């Protein structure tokens, strides 16, 4: 808090003025914690046609600012993936890839599907 105390003389009259000022606190700067990696809970799966399997991705460090991910299948005729949920479509093999938006870190899961 700042306090200013002044005496002003105006037309031979003494005027006492006190001003108090409380500045707004400075906002804390936002801290950007960059992503350092990503890992999947499973890296190999053996599934059958019609199965589903949820994959979980862990972004490091835990306090990373941007934990957003993209998911992709290299053969959507074998399996698709949305938010880590793998849906098996047909027999064959494919790779599911998770990628961080911040830093483009990747991990993969190899999927083998039998009829």
N, C-alpha and C. Protein backbone atom coordinates (compact mmCIF):
# COMPACT_ATOMS: atom_id res chain seq x y z
N UNK A 1 0.85 -1.16 0.00
CA UNK A 1 0.00 0.00 0.00
C UNK A 1 0.90 1.23 0.00
N UNK A 2 0.52 2.20 -0.81
CA UNK A 2 1.23 3.47 -0.87
C UNK A 2 0.35 4.53 -0.22
N UNK A 3 0.97 5.37 0.62
CA UNK A 3 0.24 6.47 1.26
C UNK A 3 1.00 7.76 0.97
N UNK A 4 0.27 8.74 0.51
CA UNK A 4 0.85 10.06 0.25
C UNK A 4 0.10 11.06 1.10
N UNK A 5 0.83 11.85 1.83
CA UNK A 5 0.22 12.84 2.71
C UNK A 5 0.76 14.20 2.31
N UNK A 6 -0.14 15.12 2.02
CA UNK A 6 0.28 16.46 1.58
C UNK A 6 -0.57 17.51 2.26
N UNK A 7 0.02 18.68 2.38
CA UNK A 7 -0.72 19.85 2.85
C UNK A 7 -0.66 20.85 1.72
N UNK A 8 -1.82 21.32 1.31
CA UNK A 8 -1.92 22.25 0.21
C UNK A 8 -2.49 23.56 0.76
N UNK A 9 -1.91 24.65 0.34
CA UNK A 9 -2.42 25.96 0.76
C UNK A 9 -3.07 26.58 -0.47
N UNK A 10 -4.35 26.89 -0.31
CA UNK A 10 -5.13 27.43 -1.41
C UNK A 10 -5.95 28.59 -0.87
N UNK A 11 -5.76 29.78 -1.45
CA UNK A 11 -6.47 30.99 -0.99
C UNK A 11 -6.31 31.17 0.53
N UNK A 12 -5.09 31.06 1.00
CA UNK A 12 -4.73 31.22 2.40
C UNK A 12 -5.42 30.21 3.32
N UNK A 13 -5.91 29.12 2.74
CA UNK A 13 -6.50 28.06 3.56
C UNK A 13 -5.63 26.81 3.41
N UNK A 14 -5.44 26.17 4.53
CA UNK A 14 -4.63 24.95 4.54
C UNK A 14 -5.55 23.74 4.36
N UNK A 15 -5.24 22.95 3.34
CA UNK A 15 -6.03 21.75 3.08
C UNK A 15 -5.10 20.55 3.21
N UNK A 16 -5.51 19.63 4.02
CA UNK A 16 -4.71 18.42 4.22
C UNK A 16 -5.30 17.30 3.34
N UNK A 17 -4.42 16.67 2.57
CA UNK A 17 -4.86 15.62 1.66
C UNK A 17 -4.05 14.36 1.93
N UNK A 18 -4.75 13.25 2.07
CA UNK A 18 -4.09 11.95 2.21
C UNK A 18 -4.63 11.04 1.13
N UNK A 19 -3.73 10.43 0.39
CA UNK A 19 -4.12 9.52 -0.69
C UNK A 19 -3.56 8.15 -0.37
N UNK A 20 -4.43 7.16 -0.40
CA UNK A 20 -4.00 5.78 -0.21
C UNK A 20 -4.24 5.03 -1.52
N UNK A 21 -3.28 4.23 -1.89
CA UNK A 21 -3.38 3.48 -3.15
C UNK A 21 -2.92 2.05 -2.92
N UNK A 22 -3.78 1.12 -3.28
CA UNK A 22 -3.46 -0.31 -3.18
C UNK A 22 -3.39 -0.86 -4.60
N UNK A 23 -2.21 -1.09 -5.15
CA UNK A 23 -2.13 -1.60 -6.53
C UNK A 23 -2.61 -3.04 -6.61
N UNK A 24 -3.13 -3.39 -7.80
CA UNK A 24 -3.51 -4.78 -8.07
C UNK A 24 -2.25 -5.63 -8.06
N UNK A 25 -2.30 -6.81 -7.49
CA UNK A 25 -1.11 -7.67 -7.53
C UNK A 25 -0.83 -8.09 -8.98
N UNK A 26 0.44 -8.23 -9.29
CA UNK A 26 0.84 -8.68 -10.61
C UNK A 26 0.38 -10.13 -10.80
N UNK A 27 -0.24 -10.44 -11.95
CA UNK A 27 -0.64 -11.83 -12.17
C UNK A 27 0.59 -12.71 -12.34
N UNK A 28 0.45 -13.92 -11.86
CA UNK A 28 1.54 -14.88 -12.02
C UNK A 28 1.71 -15.20 -13.50
N UNK A 29 2.93 -15.20 -13.99
CA UNK A 29 3.10 -15.54 -15.40
C UNK A 29 2.74 -17.01 -15.62
N UNK A 30 2.12 -17.28 -16.78
CA UNK A 30 1.78 -18.66 -17.09
C UNK A 30 3.06 -19.41 -17.40
N UNK A 31 3.17 -20.58 -16.82
CA UNK A 31 4.35 -21.39 -17.04
C UNK A 31 4.01 -22.47 -18.04
N UNK A 32 4.75 -22.51 -19.13
CA UNK A 32 4.56 -23.54 -20.13
C UNK A 32 5.51 -24.68 -19.82
N UNK A 33 4.95 -25.84 -19.52
CA UNK A 33 5.76 -27.02 -19.26
C UNK A 33 5.71 -27.88 -20.51
N UNK A 34 6.82 -27.97 -21.25
CA UNK A 34 6.80 -28.73 -22.51
C UNK A 34 6.72 -30.24 -22.28
N UNK A 35 6.12 -30.90 -23.27
CA UNK A 35 6.04 -32.36 -23.25
C UNK A 35 7.43 -32.94 -23.52
N UNK A 36 7.76 -34.03 -22.83
CA UNK A 36 9.05 -34.69 -23.00
C UNK A 36 8.91 -36.09 -23.58
N UNK A 37 7.68 -36.60 -23.68
CA UNK A 37 7.49 -37.93 -24.24
C UNK A 37 6.09 -38.45 -24.02
N UNK A 38 5.80 -39.59 -24.65
CA UNK A 38 4.52 -40.26 -24.49
C UNK A 38 4.76 -41.76 -24.54
N UNK A 39 3.98 -42.51 -23.77
CA UNK A 39 4.11 -43.97 -23.81
C UNK A 39 2.72 -44.60 -23.71
N UNK A 40 2.58 -45.72 -24.41
CA UNK A 40 1.34 -46.49 -24.37
C UNK A 40 1.45 -47.58 -23.32
N UNK A 41 0.30 -47.97 -22.76
CA UNK A 41 0.29 -49.04 -21.76
C UNK A 41 0.51 -50.41 -22.40
N UNK A 42 0.17 -50.56 -23.68
CA UNK A 42 0.37 -51.81 -24.41
C UNK A 42 1.04 -51.51 -25.74
N UNK A 43 2.03 -52.33 -26.11
CA UNK A 43 2.72 -52.10 -27.39
C UNK A 43 2.51 -53.24 -28.38
N UNK A 44 1.92 -54.35 -27.93
CA UNK A 44 1.59 -55.47 -28.82
C UNK A 44 0.25 -56.03 -28.39
N UNK A 45 -0.63 -56.22 -29.39
CA UNK A 45 -1.94 -56.79 -29.09
C UNK A 45 -2.25 -57.87 -30.10
N UNK A 46 -2.82 -58.96 -29.63
CA UNK A 46 -3.34 -60.03 -30.48
C UNK A 46 -4.84 -60.05 -30.26
N UNK A 47 -5.58 -59.69 -31.30
CA UNK A 47 -7.03 -59.56 -31.19
C UNK A 47 -7.71 -60.38 -32.27
N UNK A 48 -9.03 -60.50 -32.16
CA UNK A 48 -9.81 -61.17 -33.19
C UNK A 48 -10.80 -60.17 -33.78
N UNK A 49 -11.26 -60.46 -34.98
CA UNK A 49 -12.19 -59.57 -35.67
C UNK A 49 -13.40 -59.30 -34.77
N UNK A 50 -13.76 -58.03 -34.64
CA UNK A 50 -14.90 -57.63 -33.81
C UNK A 50 -14.51 -57.15 -32.42
N UNK A 51 -13.27 -57.41 -32.01
CA UNK A 51 -12.82 -56.97 -30.68
C UNK A 51 -12.66 -55.46 -30.61
N UNK A 52 -12.68 -54.96 -29.38
CA UNK A 52 -12.25 -53.59 -29.10
C UNK A 52 -11.24 -53.65 -27.96
N UNK A 53 -10.34 -52.67 -27.93
CA UNK A 53 -9.33 -52.60 -26.88
C UNK A 53 -9.00 -51.14 -26.63
N UNK A 54 -9.09 -50.74 -25.38
CA UNK A 54 -8.74 -49.36 -25.02
C UNK A 54 -7.25 -49.27 -24.73
N UNK A 55 -6.56 -48.36 -25.42
CA UNK A 55 -5.16 -48.08 -25.13
C UNK A 55 -5.09 -46.81 -24.29
N UNK A 56 -4.18 -46.78 -23.34
CA UNK A 56 -3.98 -45.60 -22.50
C UNK A 56 -2.60 -45.03 -22.79
N UNK A 57 -2.56 -43.73 -23.03
CA UNK A 57 -1.30 -43.03 -23.27
C UNK A 57 -0.97 -42.17 -22.06
N UNK A 58 0.30 -42.17 -21.68
CA UNK A 58 0.78 -41.34 -20.59
C UNK A 58 1.74 -40.31 -21.15
N UNK A 59 1.40 -39.03 -20.94
CA UNK A 59 2.25 -37.93 -21.40
C UNK A 59 3.18 -37.54 -20.26
N UNK A 60 4.45 -37.38 -20.59
CA UNK A 60 5.46 -36.97 -19.60
C UNK A 60 5.97 -35.58 -19.95
N UNK A 61 6.27 -34.75 -18.93
CA UNK A 61 6.06 -35.01 -17.50
C UNK A 61 4.59 -34.88 -17.14
N UNK A 62 4.26 -35.32 -15.95
CA UNK A 62 2.87 -35.29 -15.49
C UNK A 62 2.28 -33.90 -15.56
N UNK A 63 3.08 -32.87 -15.30
CA UNK A 63 2.60 -31.50 -15.28
C UNK A 63 2.70 -30.79 -16.63
N UNK A 64 2.85 -31.54 -17.71
CA UNK A 64 2.95 -30.91 -19.04
C UNK A 64 1.73 -30.04 -19.32
N UNK A 65 1.97 -28.90 -19.94
CA UNK A 65 0.89 -27.94 -20.20
C UNK A 65 -0.10 -28.44 -21.24
N UNK A 66 0.38 -29.07 -22.29
CA UNK A 66 -0.49 -29.50 -23.39
C UNK A 66 -0.40 -31.02 -23.52
N UNK A 67 -1.41 -31.71 -23.02
CA UNK A 67 -1.42 -33.17 -23.07
C UNK A 67 -2.28 -33.71 -24.21
N UNK A 68 -2.62 -32.85 -25.17
CA UNK A 68 -3.45 -33.28 -26.29
C UNK A 68 -2.70 -34.25 -27.20
N UNK A 69 -3.46 -35.23 -27.73
CA UNK A 69 -2.88 -36.30 -28.54
C UNK A 69 -3.65 -36.49 -29.83
N UNK A 70 -2.99 -37.06 -30.82
CA UNK A 70 -3.67 -37.56 -32.01
C UNK A 70 -3.41 -39.06 -32.08
N UNK A 71 -4.38 -39.77 -32.63
CA UNK A 71 -4.30 -41.23 -32.77
C UNK A 71 -4.47 -41.57 -34.24
N UNK A 72 -3.74 -42.60 -34.71
CA UNK A 72 -3.86 -43.01 -36.11
C UNK A 72 -3.60 -44.50 -36.25
N UNK A 73 -4.24 -45.09 -37.25
CA UNK A 73 -4.00 -46.48 -37.65
C UNK A 73 -3.39 -46.43 -39.05
N UNK A 74 -2.37 -47.27 -39.28
CA UNK A 74 -1.78 -47.28 -40.62
C UNK A 74 -2.55 -48.18 -41.59
N UNK A 75 -3.57 -48.91 -41.08
CA UNK A 75 -4.41 -49.73 -41.96
C UNK A 75 -5.81 -49.82 -41.34
N UNK A 76 -6.68 -48.91 -41.75
CA UNK A 76 -8.03 -48.86 -41.19
C UNK A 76 -8.90 -50.02 -41.65
N UNK A 77 -8.41 -50.83 -42.58
CA UNK A 77 -9.11 -52.06 -42.95
C UNK A 77 -8.91 -53.16 -41.91
N UNK A 78 -7.87 -53.00 -41.08
CA UNK A 78 -7.59 -53.96 -40.01
C UNK A 78 -8.15 -53.44 -38.68
N UNK A 79 -7.86 -52.18 -38.36
CA UNK A 79 -8.33 -51.60 -37.10
C UNK A 79 -8.38 -50.09 -37.21
N UNK A 80 -9.36 -49.50 -36.54
CA UNK A 80 -9.46 -48.05 -36.42
C UNK A 80 -9.19 -47.68 -34.97
N UNK A 81 -8.91 -46.39 -34.74
CA UNK A 81 -8.67 -45.92 -33.37
C UNK A 81 -9.22 -44.52 -33.23
N UNK A 82 -9.96 -44.31 -32.14
CA UNK A 82 -10.50 -43.00 -31.78
C UNK A 82 -10.26 -42.82 -30.29
N UNK A 83 -9.50 -41.78 -29.94
CA UNK A 83 -9.18 -41.50 -28.52
C UNK A 83 -8.66 -42.73 -27.80
N UNK A 84 -7.87 -43.54 -28.49
CA UNK A 84 -7.25 -44.71 -27.88
C UNK A 84 -8.09 -45.98 -27.94
N UNK A 85 -9.35 -45.89 -28.37
CA UNK A 85 -10.19 -47.07 -28.46
C UNK A 85 -9.99 -47.72 -29.83
N UNK A 86 -9.41 -48.92 -29.81
CA UNK A 86 -9.13 -49.66 -31.04
C UNK A 86 -10.32 -50.55 -31.35
N UNK A 87 -10.82 -50.47 -32.58
CA UNK A 87 -11.91 -51.33 -33.05
C UNK A 87 -11.36 -52.17 -34.19
N UNK A 88 -11.45 -53.48 -34.02
CA UNK A 88 -10.92 -54.41 -35.02
C UNK A 88 -11.94 -54.59 -36.14
N UNK A 89 -11.47 -54.42 -37.38
CA UNK A 89 -12.33 -54.49 -38.56
C UNK A 89 -12.12 -55.79 -39.33
N UNK A 90 -10.85 -56.15 -39.56
CA UNK A 90 -10.56 -57.33 -40.36
C UNK A 90 -9.22 -57.93 -39.99
N UNK A 91 -8.96 -59.14 -40.51
CA UNK A 91 -7.72 -59.86 -40.20
C UNK A 91 -6.52 -59.15 -40.84
N UNK A 92 -5.38 -59.26 -40.19
CA UNK A 92 -4.14 -58.68 -40.69
C UNK A 92 -3.35 -58.04 -39.56
N UNK A 93 -2.45 -57.18 -39.94
CA UNK A 93 -1.64 -56.45 -38.95
C UNK A 93 -1.69 -54.96 -39.25
N UNK A 94 -1.56 -54.19 -38.22
CA UNK A 94 -1.47 -52.73 -38.38
C UNK A 94 -0.75 -52.14 -37.19
N UNK A 95 -0.40 -50.88 -37.34
CA UNK A 95 0.27 -50.14 -36.27
C UNK A 95 -0.61 -48.97 -35.87
N UNK A 96 -0.85 -48.88 -34.57
CA UNK A 96 -1.56 -47.74 -34.00
C UNK A 96 -0.50 -46.79 -33.46
N UNK A 97 -0.60 -45.51 -33.82
CA UNK A 97 0.37 -44.52 -33.38
C UNK A 97 -0.34 -43.42 -32.60
N UNK A 98 0.24 -43.08 -31.45
CA UNK A 98 -0.23 -41.92 -30.68
C UNK A 98 0.88 -40.87 -30.77
N UNK A 99 0.46 -39.62 -30.99
CA UNK A 99 1.42 -38.53 -31.17
C UNK A 99 0.99 -37.34 -30.30
N UNK A 100 1.95 -36.74 -29.62
CA UNK A 100 1.65 -35.54 -28.83
C UNK A 100 1.56 -34.33 -29.76
N UNK A 101 0.65 -33.43 -29.46
CA UNK A 101 0.54 -32.18 -30.21
C UNK A 101 1.78 -31.33 -29.93
N UNK A 102 2.18 -31.27 -28.68
CA UNK A 102 3.37 -30.51 -28.28
C UNK A 102 4.59 -31.41 -28.44
N UNK A 103 5.42 -31.13 -29.40
CA UNK A 103 6.69 -31.85 -29.55
C UNK A 103 6.68 -33.03 -30.51
N UNK A 104 5.50 -33.47 -30.95
CA UNK A 104 5.39 -34.60 -31.89
C UNK A 104 6.08 -35.87 -31.40
N UNK A 105 5.97 -36.14 -30.11
CA UNK A 105 6.51 -37.39 -29.57
C UNK A 105 5.53 -38.51 -29.92
N UNK A 106 6.05 -39.72 -30.19
CA UNK A 106 5.20 -40.84 -30.61
C UNK A 106 5.51 -42.11 -29.83
N UNK A 107 4.48 -42.97 -29.76
CA UNK A 107 4.65 -44.35 -29.35
C UNK A 107 3.69 -45.16 -30.20
N UNK A 108 3.97 -46.46 -30.34
CA UNK A 108 3.16 -47.30 -31.21
C UNK A 108 2.77 -48.59 -30.53
N UNK A 109 1.69 -49.16 -31.07
CA UNK A 109 1.22 -50.50 -30.66
C UNK A 109 1.03 -51.30 -31.94
N UNK A 110 1.62 -52.48 -31.98
CA UNK A 110 1.48 -53.39 -33.12
C UNK A 110 0.26 -54.29 -32.87
N UNK A 111 -0.66 -54.29 -33.81
CA UNK A 111 -1.89 -55.05 -33.69
C UNK A 111 -1.86 -56.22 -34.66
N UNK A 112 -2.09 -57.41 -34.15
CA UNK A 112 -2.23 -58.60 -34.99
C UNK A 112 -3.65 -59.11 -34.80
N UNK A 113 -4.37 -59.23 -35.93
CA UNK A 113 -5.77 -59.62 -35.87
C UNK A 113 -5.97 -60.93 -36.61
N UNK A 114 -6.61 -61.87 -35.92
CA UNK A 114 -6.97 -63.15 -36.54
C UNK A 114 -8.48 -63.18 -36.76
N UNK A 115 -8.94 -63.94 -37.76
CA UNK A 115 -10.39 -63.98 -38.05
C UNK A 115 -11.20 -64.57 -36.90
